[in-house]
C-alpha atoms as a PDB file:
ATOM      1  CA  UNK A   1      -7.040  -1.355 -18.190  1.00  0.00           C
ATOM      2  CA  UNK A   2      -5.581  -2.035 -14.739  1.00  0.00           C
ATOM      3  CA  UNK A   3      -1.975  -1.120 -14.144  1.00  0.00           C
ATOM      4  CA  UNK A   4       0.670  -3.562 -12.959  1.00  0.00           C
ATOM      5  CA  UNK A   5       0.795  -3.950  -9.199  1.00  0.00           C
ATOM      6  CA  UNK A   6       3.578  -1.882  -7.700  1.00  0.00           C
ATOM      7  CA  UNK A   7       5.128  -2.493  -4.308  1.00  0.00           C
ATOM      8  CA  UNK A   8       7.353   0.175  -2.756  1.00  0.00           C
ATOM      9  CA  UNK A   9      10.841  -1.074  -1.924  1.00  0.00           C
ATOM     10  CA  UNK A  10      12.203  -0.287   1.507  1.00  0.00           C
ATOM     11  CA  UNK A  11       8.754   0.127   3.110  1.00  0.00           C
ATOM     12  CA  UNK A  12       7.300  -2.591   5.326  1.00  0.00           C
ATOM     13  CA  UNK A  13       4.014  -2.719   7.265  1.00  0.00           C
ATOM     14  CA  UNK A  14       3.023  -5.076  10.060  1.00  0.00           C
ATOM     15  CA  UNK A  15       0.535  -5.604  12.834  1.00  0.00           C
ATOM     16  CA  UNK A  16       1.526  -4.506  16.345  1.00  0.00           C
ATOM     17  CA  UNK A  17       3.546  -7.099  18.207  1.00  0.00           C
ATOM     18  CA  UNK A  18       3.979  -7.671  21.960  1.00  0.00           C
ATOM     19  CA  UNK A  19       6.882  -5.974  23.702  1.00  0.00           C
ATOM     20  CA  UNK A  20       9.857  -8.356  23.737  1.00  0.00           C
ATOM     21  CA  UNK A  21      10.662  -7.659  27.419  1.00  0.00           C
ATOM     22  CA  UNK A  22       7.220  -7.432  28.991  1.00  0.00           C
ATOM     23  CA  UNK A  23       5.107  -9.466  26.576  1.00  0.00           C
ATOM     24  CA  UNK A  24       2.433  -6.722  26.683  1.00  0.00           C
ATOM     25  CA  UNK A  25       0.681  -5.571  23.542  1.00  0.00           C
ATOM     26  CA  UNK A  26       0.932  -1.870  22.657  1.00  0.00           C
ATOM     27  CA  UNK A  27      -2.044   0.396  23.456  1.00  0.00           C
ATOM     28  CA  UNK A  28      -5.198  -0.090  21.356  1.00  0.00           C
ATOM     29  CA  UNK A  29      -4.664   3.178  19.476  1.00  0.00           C
ATOM     30  CA  UNK A  30      -1.556   1.714  17.817  1.00  0.00           C
ATOM     31  CA  UNK A  31      -3.070  -0.174  14.885  1.00  0.00           C
ATOM     32  CA  UNK A  32       0.047  -1.011  12.882  1.00  0.00           C
ATOM     33  CA  UNK A  33       3.708  -0.405  12.319  1.00  0.00           C
ATOM     34  CA  UNK A  34       5.565   1.029   9.340  1.00  0.00           C
ATOM     35  CA  UNK A  35       9.267   0.277   9.011  1.00  0.00           C
ATOM     36  CA  UNK A  36      11.404   2.067   6.432  1.00  0.00           C
ATOM     37  CA  UNK A  37      14.861   1.167   5.164  1.00  0.00           C
ATOM     38  CA  UNK A  38      15.805   4.749   4.441  1.00  0.00           C
ATOM     39  CA  UNK A  39      18.353   4.211   1.647  1.00  0.00           C
ATOM     40  CA  UNK A  40      16.151   1.706  -0.223  1.00  0.00           C
ATOM     41  CA  UNK A  41      13.027   3.837   0.144  1.00  0.00           C
ATOM     42  CA  UNK A  42      14.823   7.006  -0.980  1.00  0.00           C
ATOM     43  CA  UNK A  43      16.083   5.150  -4.060  1.00  0.00           C
ATOM     44  CA  UNK A  44      12.506   4.034  -4.753  1.00  0.00           C
ATOM     45  CA  UNK A  45      11.149   7.569  -4.324  1.00  0.00           C
ATOM     46  CA  UNK A  46      13.753   8.903  -6.740  1.00  0.00           C
ATOM     47  CA  UNK A  47      12.180   6.720  -9.465  1.00  0.00           C
ATOM     48  CA  UNK A  48       8.819   8.486  -9.067  1.00  0.00           C
ATOM     49  CA  UNK A  49      10.049  11.444 -11.133  1.00  0.00           C
ATOM     50  CA  UNK A  50       8.586  14.587  -9.620  1.00  0.00           C
ATOM     51  CA  UNK A  51       5.161  13.311  -8.603  1.00  0.00           C
ATOM     52  CA  UNK A  52       3.681  15.496  -5.904  1.00  0.00           C
ATOM     53  CA  UNK A  53       1.885  12.638  -4.130  1.00  0.00           C
ATOM     54  CA  UNK A  54       2.501   8.940  -3.655  1.00  0.00           C
ATOM     55  CA  UNK A  55      -0.433   6.992  -2.235  1.00  0.00           C
ATOM     56  CA  UNK A  56       0.277   3.647  -0.626  1.00  0.00           C
ATOM     57  CA  UNK A  57      -2.443   1.245   0.496  1.00  0.00           C
ATOM     58  CA  UNK A  58      -1.900  -1.102   3.416  1.00  0.00           C
ATOM     59  CA  UNK A  59      -3.548  -4.397   2.564  1.00  0.00           C
ATOM     60  CA  UNK A  60      -4.157  -7.724   4.232  1.00  0.00           C
ATOM     61  CA  UNK A  61      -2.801 -10.618   2.215  1.00  0.00           C
ATOM     62  CA  UNK A  62      -3.700 -14.284   1.945  1.00  0.00           C
ATOM     63  CA  UNK A  63      -0.481 -15.555   3.534  1.00  0.00           C
ATOM     64  CA  UNK A  64      -0.664 -16.335   7.252  1.00  0.00           C
ATOM     65  CA  UNK A  65       2.003 -15.468   9.826  1.00  0.00           C
ATOM     66  CA  UNK A  66       3.131 -18.766  11.334  1.00  0.00           C
ATOM     67  CA  UNK A  67       3.742 -17.215  14.792  1.00  0.00           C
ATOM     68  CA  UNK A  68       0.428 -15.434  15.265  1.00  0.00           C
ATOM     69  CA  UNK A  69      -1.910 -17.099  12.784  1.00  0.00           C
ATOM     70  CA  UNK A  70      -2.937 -13.644  11.484  1.00  0.00           C
ATOM     71  CA  UNK A  71      -2.910 -12.742   7.812  1.00  0.00           C
ATOM     72  CA  UNK A  72       0.172 -10.748   6.822  1.00  0.00           C
ATOM     73  CA  UNK A  73      -0.052  -7.113   5.783  1.00  0.00           C
ATOM     74  CA  UNK A  74       1.692  -5.529   2.819  1.00  0.00           C
ATOM     75  CA  UNK A  75       2.023  -2.139   1.112  1.00  0.00           C
ATOM     76  CA  UNK A  76       0.937  -1.499  -2.472  1.00  0.00           C
ATOM     77  CA  UNK A  77       1.145   1.727  -4.461  1.00  0.00           C
ATOM     78  CA  UNK A  78      -2.205   3.189  -5.533  1.00  0.00           C
ATOM     79  CA  UNK A  79      -1.597   4.180  -9.173  1.00  0.00           C
ATOM     80  CA  UNK A  80      -5.189   5.153  -9.937  1.00  0.00           C
ATOM     81  CA  UNK A  81      -5.489   8.177 -12.219  1.00  0.00           C
ATOM     82  CA  UNK A  82      -8.640   9.933 -13.379  1.00  0.00           C
ATOM     83  CA  UNK A  83      -9.590   8.822 -16.898  1.00  0.00           C
ATOM     84  CA  UNK A  84      -9.493  12.456 -18.047  1.00  0.00           C
ATOM     85  CA  UNK A  85      -5.867  12.722 -16.878  1.00  0.00           C
ATOM     86  CA  UNK A  86      -4.968   9.491 -18.713  1.00  0.00           C
ATOM     87  CA  UNK A  87      -6.220  10.959 -21.978  1.00  0.00           C
ATOM     88  CA  UNK A  88      -9.208   8.643 -22.213  1.00  0.00           C
ATOM     89  CA  UNK A  89     -12.420  10.056 -23.580  1.00  0.00           C
ATOM     90  CA  UNK A  90     -15.805   9.295 -22.067  1.00  0.00           C
ATOM     91  CA  UNK A  91     -18.087   7.318 -24.315  1.00  0.00           C
ATOM     92  CA  UNK A  92     -21.117   9.170 -25.577  1.00  0.00           C
ATOM     93  CA  UNK A  93     -24.331   7.820 -24.105  1.00  0.00           C
ATOM     94  CA  UNK A  94     -27.077   7.331 -26.629  1.00  0.00           C
ATOM     95  CA  UNK A  95     -29.760   6.463 -24.114  1.00  0.00           C
ATOM     96  CA  UNK A  96     -29.667   2.745 -24.823  1.00  0.00           C
ATOM     97  CA  UNK A  97     -29.415   0.438 -21.804  1.00  0.00           C
ATOM     98  CA  UNK A  98     -26.723  -1.724 -23.424  1.00  0.00           C
END
């Protein structure tokens, strides 16, 4: 069963934007920007209770940025866990195709 969607607080992702002074776009090797509100993100991390890793996916949403016309990006926590680590047993296959 899929888990509830989880969005990290204090972490924001966005497409590169032009420099405010020059109007130039950043170099092509800069593909995005991550902004972190340190206090909020640290509070969020403290709720993760000793996990060694936290995987966060950067996704493209359906909402469109009114300035650029591009779809907005967002961050979502990847909570996938192997079935064996969730305590789920594999079903025995009896050779039937259904």
